[in-house]
Amino acid sequence: MSEQRPVVVLSAPEADVAHGKVLLRRLVEAAADAGAGSAHRDEESAARTWFLVGGLALGDADEQRSVVDHDLLGRAAVRLAIDKVVCVGPTRAERAAWQGAVMEGSWGDEAMLVADVDELLARWNQPGAERPGAGDVVAIAGAIGPRRVLDALADWDLVVRQI
């Protein structure tokens, strides 16, 4: 196998919204260090940033507060120039994160809402589908099942470096 840049993965499966915001900042920092993402790359680089967010822990928040917080997190991802925002889950919270990203300006293939990891991996496995590639920086927050995502990246012969 030829030498390739690793996919850098940050993961916080037990995250609440506050940790999700911290993870977003870490994603931007890691992307800057790697030269990935639309805010940091030069014309030659195709490395992107991905924020995969599932239902985040409620903590002391009620469901309505959680929906608002997820919306704000989706908006924050767009403001931080995250290339791909993928919201994974069937609840109002995940839909709110997706709607926040869309309302903030991520349209088309920049923001995606899927019911679960099975649907996400099925979409990524379609011919010609955009999915994480060499040099990309991926953050995974919430109840998504990061192991399945990491296994999929490995199945695509990508070198994964977790930080």
N, C-alpha and C. Protein backbone atom coordinates (compact mmCIF):
# COMPACT_ATOMS: atom_id res chain seq x y z
N MET A 1 0.86 -1.17 0.00
CA MET A 1 0.00 0.00 0.00
C MET A 1 0.90 1.23 0.00
N SER A 2 0.56 2.21 -0.79
CA SER A 2 1.34 3.44 -0.82
C SER A 2 1.10 4.24 0.44
N GLU A 3 2.10 5.05 0.81
CA GLU A 3 1.97 5.89 2.00
C GLU A 3 0.88 6.93 1.76
N GLN A 4 0.03 7.09 2.73
CA GLN A 4 -1.03 8.08 2.61
C GLN A 4 -1.22 8.78 3.94
N ARG A 5 -1.81 9.95 3.86
CA ARG A 5 -2.09 10.70 5.08
C ARG A 5 -3.21 10.00 5.84
N PRO A 6 -3.10 9.95 7.15
CA PRO A 6 -4.14 9.27 7.91
C PRO A 6 -5.42 10.09 7.98
N VAL A 7 -6.51 9.39 8.23
CA VAL A 7 -7.75 10.04 8.61
C VAL A 7 -7.63 10.26 10.12
N VAL A 8 -7.73 11.48 10.55
CA VAL A 8 -7.63 11.79 11.97
C VAL A 8 -9.04 11.77 12.55
N VAL A 9 -9.23 11.02 13.62
CA VAL A 9 -10.55 10.87 14.21
C VAL A 9 -10.53 11.30 15.67
N LEU A 10 -11.45 12.16 16.02
CA LEU A 10 -11.69 12.55 17.40
C LEU A 10 -13.05 11.96 17.77
N SER A 11 -13.15 11.36 18.94
CA SER A 11 -14.40 10.70 19.29
C SER A 11 -14.80 11.00 20.72
N ALA A 12 -16.08 11.29 20.92
CA ALA A 12 -16.63 11.53 22.25
C ALA A 12 -18.03 10.92 22.32
N PRO A 13 -18.11 9.57 22.46
CA PRO A 13 -19.42 8.92 22.41
C PRO A 13 -20.35 9.27 23.57
N GLU A 14 -19.82 9.69 24.69
CA GLU A 14 -20.64 10.02 25.86
C GLU A 14 -20.89 11.52 25.98
N ALA A 15 -20.60 12.28 24.96
CA ALA A 15 -20.61 13.74 25.04
C ALA A 15 -22.00 14.31 25.29
N ASP A 16 -22.00 15.41 26.04
CA ASP A 16 -23.19 16.24 26.12
C ASP A 16 -22.96 17.43 25.19
N VAL A 17 -23.87 18.36 25.15
CA VAL A 17 -23.75 19.48 24.20
C VAL A 17 -22.49 20.30 24.47
N ALA A 18 -22.16 20.55 25.73
CA ALA A 18 -20.95 21.32 26.05
C ALA A 18 -19.72 20.61 25.51
N HIS A 19 -19.65 19.28 25.68
CA HIS A 19 -18.52 18.52 25.15
C HIS A 19 -18.55 18.51 23.62
N GLY A 20 -19.73 18.52 23.04
CA GLY A 20 -19.84 18.60 21.58
C GLY A 20 -19.22 19.88 21.04
N LYS A 21 -19.43 20.98 21.74
CA LYS A 21 -18.84 22.26 21.34
C LYS A 21 -17.32 22.22 21.46
N VAL A 22 -16.83 21.61 22.54
CA VAL A 22 -15.38 21.46 22.72
C VAL A 22 -14.82 20.59 21.60
N LEU A 23 -15.51 19.52 21.26
CA LEU A 23 -15.07 18.63 20.19
C LEU A 23 -15.02 19.36 18.85
N LEU A 24 -15.98 20.22 18.60
CA LEU A 24 -15.96 21.03 17.37
C LEU A 24 -14.70 21.89 17.31
N ARG A 25 -14.36 22.51 18.43
CA ARG A 25 -13.14 23.34 18.46
C ARG A 25 -11.90 22.49 18.22
N ARG A 26 -11.87 21.30 18.83
CA ARG A 26 -10.73 20.40 18.62
C ARG A 26 -10.66 19.95 17.16
N LEU A 27 -11.81 19.75 16.54
CA LEU A 27 -11.85 19.39 15.12
C LEU A 27 -11.22 20.48 14.28
N VAL A 28 -11.57 21.71 14.55
CA VAL A 28 -11.02 22.84 13.79
C VAL A 28 -9.51 22.94 14.02
N GLU A 29 -9.06 22.75 15.25
CA GLU A 29 -7.62 22.80 15.54
C GLU A 29 -6.87 21.68 14.83
N ALA A 30 -7.41 20.45 14.89
CA ALA A 30 -6.77 19.32 14.22
C ALA A 30 -6.75 19.53 12.71
N ALA A 31 -7.81 20.10 12.18
CA ALA A 31 -7.87 20.37 10.73
C ALA A 31 -6.82 21.41 10.35
N ALA A 32 -6.66 22.43 11.17
CA ALA A 32 -5.66 23.46 10.88
C ALA A 32 -4.26 22.84 10.88
N ASP A 33 -4.00 21.97 11.85
CA ASP A 33 -2.70 21.30 11.93
C ASP A 33 -2.46 20.39 10.73
N ALA A 34 -3.53 19.77 10.23
CA ALA A 34 -3.42 18.83 9.11
C ALA A 34 -3.58 19.50 7.75
N GLY A 35 -3.98 20.76 7.74
CA GLY A 35 -4.24 21.44 6.47
C GLY A 35 -5.51 20.95 5.80
N ALA A 36 -6.44 20.44 6.60
CA ALA A 36 -7.70 19.92 6.06
C ALA A 36 -8.82 20.92 6.26
N GLY A 37 -9.87 20.74 5.49
CA GLY A 37 -11.05 21.58 5.64
C GLY A 37 -11.00 22.80 4.77
N SER A 38 -12.17 23.26 4.38
CA SER A 38 -12.26 24.39 3.46
C SER A 38 -11.65 25.66 4.02
N ALA A 39 -11.60 25.79 5.34
CA ALA A 39 -11.03 27.00 5.93
C ALA A 39 -9.51 26.96 5.98
N HIS A 40 -8.91 25.79 5.74
CA HIS A 40 -7.47 25.66 5.95
C HIS A 40 -6.69 25.13 4.76
N ARG A 41 -7.36 24.54 3.80
CA ARG A 41 -6.61 23.86 2.75
C ARG A 41 -6.23 24.81 1.62
N ASP A 42 -5.22 24.40 0.91
CA ASP A 42 -4.84 25.14 -0.28
C ASP A 42 -5.60 24.56 -1.47
N GLU A 43 -5.34 25.11 -2.62
CA GLU A 43 -6.07 24.68 -3.83
C GLU A 43 -5.84 23.21 -4.17
N GLU A 44 -4.67 22.68 -3.80
CA GLU A 44 -4.31 21.32 -4.21
C GLU A 44 -4.93 20.24 -3.31
N SER A 45 -5.21 20.58 -2.08
CA SER A 45 -5.65 19.59 -1.11
C SER A 45 -7.15 19.35 -1.19
N ALA A 46 -7.52 18.10 -1.08
CA ALA A 46 -8.94 17.76 -1.07
C ALA A 46 -9.39 17.28 0.30
N ALA A 47 -8.51 17.35 1.30
CA ALA A 47 -8.85 16.87 2.64
C ALA A 47 -9.97 17.72 3.24
N ARG A 48 -10.92 17.04 3.86
CA ARG A 48 -12.11 17.73 4.39
C ARG A 48 -12.27 17.48 5.88
N THR A 49 -13.19 18.23 6.46
CA THR A 49 -13.57 18.04 7.85
C THR A 49 -14.98 17.47 7.90
N TRP A 50 -15.20 16.55 8.82
CA TRP A 50 -16.48 15.89 8.99
C TRP A 50 -16.87 15.96 10.46
N PHE A 51 -18.11 16.33 10.73
CA PHE A 51 -18.65 16.30 12.09
C PHE A 51 -19.85 15.38 12.08
N LEU A 52 -19.71 14.22 12.72
CA LEU A 52 -20.79 13.25 12.85
C LEU A 52 -21.37 13.42 14.25
N VAL A 53 -22.63 13.75 14.33
CA VAL A 53 -23.25 14.00 15.64
C VAL A 53 -24.52 13.18 15.79
N GLY A 54 -24.57 12.46 16.90
CA GLY A 54 -25.78 11.72 17.27
C GLY A 54 -26.41 12.40 18.46
N GLY A 55 -27.34 11.73 19.07
CA GLY A 55 -27.98 12.30 20.25
C GLY A 55 -26.97 12.48 21.36
N LEU A 56 -26.84 13.70 21.82
CA LEU A 56 -25.91 14.00 22.90
C LEU A 56 -26.62 13.86 24.23
N ALA A 57 -25.85 13.56 25.26
CA ALA A 57 -26.42 13.36 26.60
C ALA A 57 -27.18 14.62 27.03
N LEU A 58 -28.30 14.41 27.68
CA LEU A 58 -29.15 15.53 28.09
C LEU A 58 -28.60 16.28 29.30
N GLY A 59 -27.92 15.58 30.20
CA GLY A 59 -27.50 16.24 31.43
C GLY A 59 -28.72 16.71 32.18
N ASP A 60 -28.74 17.97 32.58
CA ASP A 60 -29.88 18.53 33.31
C ASP A 60 -30.94 19.12 32.39
N ALA A 61 -30.72 19.07 31.09
CA ALA A 61 -31.64 19.70 30.14
C ALA A 61 -32.86 18.82 29.90
N ASP A 62 -34.00 19.47 29.65
CA ASP A 62 -35.17 18.72 29.23
C ASP A 62 -35.10 18.53 27.71
N GLU A 63 -36.07 17.82 27.16
CA GLU A 63 -36.02 17.52 25.73
C GLU A 63 -36.02 18.78 24.88
N GLN A 64 -36.85 19.75 25.21
CA GLN A 64 -36.91 20.98 24.42
C GLN A 64 -35.58 21.71 24.44
N ARG A 65 -34.94 21.80 25.60
CA ARG A 65 -33.63 22.45 25.71
C ARG A 65 -32.62 21.70 24.86
N SER A 66 -32.70 20.36 24.88
CA SER A 66 -31.79 19.54 24.09
C SER A 66 -31.95 19.82 22.59
N VAL A 67 -33.19 19.97 22.15
CA VAL A 67 -33.46 20.27 20.73
C VAL A 67 -32.83 21.60 20.35
N VAL A 68 -33.02 22.61 21.19
CA VAL A 68 -32.43 23.93 20.92
C VAL A 68 -30.91 23.84 20.91
N ASP A 69 -30.34 23.12 21.88
CA ASP A 69 -28.88 23.00 21.96
C ASP A 69 -28.31 22.27 20.74
N HIS A 70 -29.00 21.23 20.28
CA HIS A 70 -28.54 20.52 19.08
C HIS A 70 -28.61 21.43 17.85
N ASP A 71 -29.66 22.23 17.74
CA ASP A 71 -29.77 23.20 16.66
C ASP A 71 -28.57 24.15 16.67
N LEU A 72 -28.25 24.65 17.84
CA LEU A 72 -27.12 25.59 17.96
C LEU A 72 -25.80 24.91 17.61
N LEU A 73 -25.67 23.63 17.95
CA LEU A 73 -24.45 22.89 17.62
C LEU A 73 -24.32 22.72 16.10
N GLY A 74 -25.42 22.41 15.42
CA GLY A 74 -25.38 22.32 13.96
C GLY A 74 -24.99 23.64 13.32
N ARG A 75 -25.53 24.73 13.85
CA ARG A 75 -25.18 26.06 13.35
C ARG A 75 -23.71 26.38 13.61
N ALA A 76 -23.22 26.01 14.80
CA ALA A 76 -21.81 26.27 15.13
C ALA A 76 -20.88 25.53 14.18
N ALA A 77 -21.24 24.31 13.80
CA ALA A 77 -20.41 23.55 12.87
C ALA A 77 -20.26 24.29 11.54
N VAL A 78 -21.34 24.88 11.06
CA VAL A 78 -21.29 25.62 9.80
C VAL A 78 -20.46 26.89 9.97
N ARG A 79 -20.66 27.59 11.07
CA ARG A 79 -19.89 28.83 11.32
C ARG A 79 -18.40 28.56 11.41
N LEU A 80 -18.04 27.36 11.85
CA LEU A 80 -16.63 26.99 11.95
C LEU A 80 -16.11 26.38 10.65
N ALA A 81 -16.89 26.45 9.60
CA ALA A 81 -16.51 25.99 8.25
C ALA A 81 -16.23 24.49 8.19
N ILE A 82 -17.00 23.70 8.94
CA ILE A 82 -16.90 22.25 8.83
C ILE A 82 -17.50 21.86 7.48
N ASP A 83 -16.77 21.06 6.72
CA ASP A 83 -17.20 20.73 5.36
C ASP A 83 -18.45 19.86 5.31
N LYS A 84 -18.53 18.86 6.17
CA LYS A 84 -19.64 17.90 6.14
C LYS A 84 -20.19 17.72 7.55
N VAL A 85 -21.47 18.00 7.71
CA VAL A 85 -22.17 17.80 8.98
C VAL A 85 -23.14 16.64 8.78
N VAL A 86 -22.92 15.55 9.51
CA VAL A 86 -23.75 14.36 9.38
C VAL A 86 -24.44 14.10 10.71
N CYS A 87 -25.75 14.19 10.72
CA CYS A 87 -26.55 14.00 11.93
C CYS A 87 -27.15 12.61 11.89
N VAL A 88 -26.86 11.83 12.93
CA VAL A 88 -27.21 10.41 12.94
C VAL A 88 -28.17 10.12 14.09
N GLY A 89 -29.40 9.77 13.75
CA GLY A 89 -30.36 9.39 14.78
C GLY A 89 -31.78 9.77 14.40
N PRO A 90 -32.75 9.12 15.06
CA PRO A 90 -34.15 9.31 14.68
C PRO A 90 -34.91 10.36 15.50
N THR A 91 -34.26 11.01 16.44
CA THR A 91 -35.01 11.88 17.35
C THR A 91 -35.06 13.33 16.88
N ARG A 92 -35.86 14.11 17.58
CA ARG A 92 -35.96 15.55 17.28
C ARG A 92 -34.61 16.24 17.45
N ALA A 93 -33.79 15.76 18.38
CA ALA A 93 -32.50 16.40 18.63
C ALA A 93 -31.59 16.31 17.40
N GLU A 94 -31.47 15.12 16.82
CA GLU A 94 -30.62 14.98 15.63
C GLU A 94 -31.19 15.78 14.46
N ARG A 95 -32.50 15.76 14.32
CA ARG A 95 -33.12 16.55 13.25
C ARG A 95 -32.84 18.03 13.48
N ALA A 96 -32.85 18.47 14.73
CA ALA A 96 -32.57 19.88 15.03
C ALA A 96 -31.13 20.24 14.68
N ALA A 97 -30.19 19.34 14.93
CA ALA A 97 -28.79 19.61 14.57
C ALA A 97 -28.67 19.77 13.05
N TRP A 98 -29.35 18.89 12.32
CA TRP A 98 -29.33 18.97 10.85
C TRP A 98 -30.00 20.26 10.37
N GLN A 99 -31.17 20.57 10.94
CA GLN A 99 -31.86 21.80 10.54
C GLN A 99 -31.03 23.03 10.86
N GLY A 100 -30.35 23.02 12.00
CA GLY A 100 -29.48 24.14 12.35
C GLY A 100 -28.39 24.33 11.32
N ALA A 101 -27.78 23.22 10.88
CA ALA A 101 -26.73 23.31 9.86
C ALA A 101 -27.29 23.84 8.55
N VAL A 102 -28.45 23.34 8.15
CA VAL A 102 -29.06 23.78 6.90
C VAL A 102 -29.45 25.26 6.98
N MET A 103 -30.06 25.66 8.08
CA MET A 103 -30.49 27.05 8.22
C MET A 103 -29.31 28.01 8.27
N GLU A 104 -28.16 27.50 8.71
CA GLU A 104 -26.97 28.35 8.79
C GLU A 104 -26.23 28.41 7.45
N GLY A 105 -26.60 27.55 6.50
CA GLY A 105 -26.00 27.66 5.17
C GLY A 105 -25.40 26.40 4.59
N SER A 106 -25.49 25.26 5.26
CA SER A 106 -25.01 24.00 4.69
C SER A 106 -26.15 23.33 3.94
N TRP A 107 -26.07 23.34 2.63
CA TRP A 107 -27.12 22.76 1.80
C TRP A 107 -26.56 21.63 0.96
N GLY A 108 -27.45 20.97 0.28
CA GLY A 108 -27.03 19.90 -0.62
C GLY A 108 -26.33 18.80 0.16
N ASP A 109 -25.14 18.45 -0.30
CA ASP A 109 -24.42 17.34 0.33
C ASP A 109 -23.55 17.78 1.50
N GLU A 110 -23.63 19.04 1.89
CA GLU A 110 -22.83 19.51 3.03
C GLU A 110 -23.42 19.08 4.36
N ALA A 111 -24.73 18.88 4.43
CA ALA A 111 -25.41 18.44 5.64
C ALA A 111 -26.28 17.23 5.31
N MET A 112 -26.23 16.23 6.17
CA MET A 112 -26.97 15.00 5.92
C MET A 112 -27.64 14.55 7.23
N LEU A 113 -28.84 14.04 7.12
CA LEU A 113 -29.56 13.45 8.25
C LEU A 113 -29.86 12.00 7.90
N VAL A 114 -29.41 11.08 8.75
CA VAL A 114 -29.69 9.66 8.57
C VAL A 114 -30.25 9.10 9.86
N ALA A 115 -31.03 8.04 9.75
CA ALA A 115 -31.71 7.47 10.92
C ALA A 115 -30.77 6.75 11.87
N ASP A 116 -29.72 6.11 11.31
CA ASP A 116 -28.81 5.34 12.15
C ASP A 116 -27.51 5.08 11.40
N VAL A 117 -26.59 4.41 12.08
CA VAL A 117 -25.29 4.13 11.48
C VAL A 117 -25.43 3.21 10.27
N ASP A 118 -26.38 2.28 10.31
CA ASP A 118 -26.59 1.40 9.15
C ASP A 118 -26.89 2.22 7.90
N GLU A 119 -27.78 3.20 8.03
CA GLU A 119 -28.12 4.03 6.87
C GLU A 119 -26.92 4.86 6.43
N LEU A 120 -26.17 5.39 7.39
CA LEU A 120 -24.97 6.17 7.05
C LEU A 120 -23.99 5.33 6.25
N LEU A 121 -23.68 4.14 6.75
CA LEU A 121 -22.71 3.29 6.06
C LEU A 121 -23.24 2.83 4.71
N ALA A 122 -24.53 2.58 4.60
CA ALA A 122 -25.12 2.22 3.31
C ALA A 122 -24.95 3.36 2.31
N ARG A 123 -25.17 4.58 2.75
CA ARG A 123 -24.99 5.74 1.85
C ARG A 123 -23.53 5.89 1.45
N TRP A 124 -22.64 5.77 2.43
CA TRP A 124 -21.22 5.91 2.13
C TRP A 124 -20.72 4.81 1.19
N ASN A 125 -21.36 3.65 1.21
CA ASN A 125 -20.92 2.54 0.37
C ASN A 125 -21.52 2.56 -1.03
N GLN A 126 -22.39 3.52 -1.32
CA GLN A 126 -22.94 3.64 -2.67
C GLN A 126 -21.84 4.11 -3.63
N PRO A 127 -21.87 3.62 -4.86
CA PRO A 127 -20.87 4.06 -5.83
C PRO A 127 -20.88 5.58 -6.00
N GLY A 128 -19.71 6.17 -5.92
CA GLY A 128 -19.55 7.61 -6.12
C GLY A 128 -19.93 8.46 -4.93
N ALA A 129 -20.31 7.83 -3.82
CA ALA A 129 -20.72 8.60 -2.64
C ALA A 129 -19.52 9.30 -2.00
N GLU A 130 -19.78 10.48 -1.47
CA GLU A 130 -18.75 11.16 -0.70
C GLU A 130 -18.68 10.53 0.67
N ARG A 131 -17.48 10.19 1.08
CA ARG A 131 -17.24 9.62 2.40
C ARG A 131 -15.83 10.04 2.83
N PRO A 132 -15.51 9.89 4.11
CA PRO A 132 -14.17 10.30 4.55
C PRO A 132 -13.08 9.61 3.75
N GLY A 133 -12.04 10.37 3.46
CA GLY A 133 -10.91 9.86 2.71
C GLY A 133 -9.60 10.23 3.37
N ALA A 134 -8.51 9.85 2.73
CA ALA A 134 -7.18 10.10 3.27
C ALA A 134 -6.97 11.58 3.55
N GLY A 135 -6.48 11.88 4.75
CA GLY A 135 -6.20 13.25 5.13
C GLY A 135 -7.35 13.99 5.77
N ASP A 136 -8.55 13.43 5.68
CA ASP A 136 -9.71 14.08 6.29
C ASP A 136 -9.61 14.03 7.81
N VAL A 137 -10.30 14.95 8.45
CA VAL A 137 -10.38 14.98 9.91
C VAL A 137 -11.84 14.80 10.28
N VAL A 138 -12.11 13.79 11.11
CA VAL A 138 -13.48 13.40 11.44
C VAL A 138 -13.67 13.49 12.95
N ALA A 139 -14.73 14.15 13.38
CA ALA A 139 -15.12 14.16 14.79
C ALA A 139 -16.44 13.43 14.93
N ILE A 140 -16.53 12.57 15.93
CA ILE A 140 -17.73 11.79 16.18
C ILE A 140 -18.21 12.10 17.59
N ALA A 141 -19.41 12.65 17.69
CA ALA A 141 -19.95 13.02 19.00
C ALA A 141 -21.30 12.38 19.22
N GLY A 142 -21.52 11.91 20.43
CA GLY A 142 -22.82 11.38 20.78
C GLY A 142 -22.97 9.90 20.52
N ALA A 143 -24.19 9.44 20.66
CA ALA A 143 -24.51 8.01 20.60
C ALA A 143 -24.61 7.53 19.16
N ILE A 144 -23.47 7.38 18.53
CA ILE A 144 -23.43 6.96 17.13
C ILE A 144 -22.91 5.54 16.99
N GLY A 145 -22.00 5.14 17.83
CA GLY A 145 -21.32 3.86 17.67
C GLY A 145 -20.04 4.07 16.88
N PRO A 146 -19.09 4.78 17.46
CA PRO A 146 -17.87 5.13 16.72
C PRO A 146 -17.10 3.91 16.22
N ARG A 147 -17.19 2.78 16.91
CA ARG A 147 -16.44 1.59 16.49
C ARG A 147 -16.86 1.17 15.08
N ARG A 148 -18.13 1.21 14.77
CA ARG A 148 -18.59 0.80 13.43
C ARG A 148 -18.08 1.76 12.37
N VAL A 149 -18.04 3.06 12.69
CA VAL A 149 -17.51 4.04 11.74
C VAL A 149 -16.02 3.80 11.54
N LEU A 150 -15.29 3.57 12.63
CA LEU A 150 -13.85 3.31 12.53
C LEU A 150 -13.58 2.04 11.73
N ASP A 151 -14.37 1.00 11.96
CA ASP A 151 -14.22 -0.24 11.19
C ASP A 151 -14.45 0.00 9.70
N ALA A 152 -15.44 0.83 9.37
CA ALA A 152 -15.71 1.14 7.96
C ALA A 152 -14.53 1.87 7.34
N LEU A 153 -13.96 2.82 8.07
CA LEU A 153 -12.79 3.54 7.54
C LEU A 153 -11.65 2.57 7.27
N ALA A 154 -11.43 1.63 8.19
CA ALA A 154 -10.37 0.63 8.01
C ALA A 154 -10.69 -0.28 6.82
N ASP A 155 -11.96 -0.62 6.63
CA ASP A 155 -12.35 -1.46 5.49
C ASP A 155 -12.05 -0.79 4.16
N TRP A 156 -12.03 0.54 4.15
CA TRP A 156 -11.73 1.28 2.92
C TRP A 156 -10.22 1.53 2.78
N ASP A 157 -9.42 0.78 3.55
CA ASP A 157 -7.96 0.87 3.51
C ASP A 157 -7.44 2.25 3.88
N LEU A 158 -8.14 2.92 4.77
CA LEU A 158 -7.67 4.21 5.25
C LEU A 158 -6.88 4.01 6.54
N VAL A 159 -5.85 4.78 6.70
CA VAL A 159 -5.05 4.75 7.92
C VAL A 159 -5.73 5.68 8.92
N VAL A 160 -6.13 5.14 10.06
CA VAL A 160 -6.86 5.92 11.06
C VAL A 160 -5.93 6.25 12.22
N ARG A 161 -5.89 7.52 12.57
CA ARG A 161 -5.13 7.96 13.76
C ARG A 161 -6.11 8.65 14.68
N GLN A 162 -6.38 8.01 15.82
CA GLN A 162 -7.29 8.60 16.79
C GLN A 162 -6.53 9.54 17.71
N ILE A 163 -7.14 10.69 17.99
CA ILE A 163 -6.54 11.61 18.95
C ILE A 163 -7.58 11.99 19.99
